[in-house]
Amino acid sequence: MIHKLSLESPERTSAAPARTSQPGNPAQIWLTHTLSDFNNFWPRSQQLKAARCYAFQCADILEVRCKTIALARKIETLFVAVLDAERNPLMLLPLGIERRHGVRILTFLDGGLSDYNSPVVFTGVRGWAEDDVRMLWRGLQEILPPFDIAILDKMPECIGDLPNPLILLDTSPFPSSGHAITLSGTWSEFEASRLPGSRKHRRYYHRRLEGRGKLTFEIATNPEQFDTFLQALIRQKIRRHRETRTIAGFDQPGYQNFVTEATHCLPTPYPIHLSALKLDDTIIAAHWGYVVGSRFYGLIVSYEGGTWRTFSLGHILTEYLLKWSFAQGIEVFDLGVGDEAYKFHYCDVMIPLHVATIPVTFRGIAYSMALNITEKLKRSLRGTRAGEMLKSIVRRRPSSGKVAYKEGWAKTCS
């Protein structure tokens, strides 16, 4: 069932000059709990059409997230469409309300799986001003179920060639940035100028591996490969987190189900890109990510431990993925959110991210204050002995559904 709110009501237009008579001005807000209600205009990974969005906001990927992460974490799913007077879509929002410590938190439908949280936008938003966005926010508060605080994080400033309207809310910088590589020229030119380390150094690791057997890079194209590669990736990733005593994403409610369901249910060959680096018949490294439009999203990387760690498997796998991307005409190779040192060697694009924290009840205000105190404490303890002790305690803590985790490429290329 779709709930509708008009932004052209007399009480709204009397407060300020109406702009809804012009194309691209917001006129209605529609809300539903069921994404299929918006099938006519919500983009899918293979049918972006006129929409601008990141892979994380595509309908087919969101559908899997609803069946897995949202269900496991008891997130109330909310899908919002902002339309013009002719009922053409201007902005689409995948949202959710989740309870944490008794506080109702409105967020993007992220579940710890998105590098970039943003609306889906269409060309009409190009002319929006701050007043339009604030009017929309007031309308959203009317039509959405009750919540205590909105935390809209990891928001980029632009979505494709269009601005992100939500940046016009009161935002602050997100602690981490996104990082990407623009792919231009030929592979040979890129390899010579942009890959970290000398070509001689990289070939050294190749020779060491090839001295042990036949080195191959394979992309999953059939059910057997998808099963085999995915099982190896999950096993390697969980082992790595056990060794480092960090919280494993695959231990979080619904996370493994999401990756498994997405791998087997989404259309082939894309958006899922699953690959493996093999030595003879042994999978020594694996990658799981998306390919949507002309963008490659590097999301989950795993590799064998023990003596294999001396072979720089992360760098070798990344080299194969980049070479494949050049061959396929990919324009952007996205390494996602996180300021790990290795990304600065590869990437020529940094994507600043923003967060809007908007409490709407006294409970939300208290939660916001607690978050600020926690962040200040973290910053003050960073690099100190007390901070290291605190991190050690957190790493040893058993995982729970209340911990949000982002599977990144951290420490991949060590």
Foldseek 3Di string as FASTA:
>chain_A
DKDKDFCPDPVNCVVDPDPLVDPLAFTMKIKDQDPVVVVVPQAALAGCDQKFDDNCRHPVLVVLLCVFLCVQQVWRWMKMFTAGPVRDTAKIATWTWGADPNFTEIEGSPLQADLAHAIIGGPSCQPDDLVRVVSVVVVCCVPDDDGFKYKYWRHFQAGVPGGGNVVSADKDFDPWWWFKAFDDDALVVCQCPQQPDHPVVLVVLVVVLVVVADKDKFKDDDPVVLVVQLVVLVVQQVVVLVVVLADGQVVAGRRSVSQVCCSPPPDPPFQWIKMFIDGVNRGFKIFIWGDGDLETETAAIGGDDDPSLVSQVLSVNVSVVVNVSSVVNRGMYIQGIDDAPSSVSRGDDITTIIIDMGGDDPVSVVVVVVVVVVVVVQVVCPPHPVNVVVVVVNSNDDDYNSDRHGRGCPPSRD
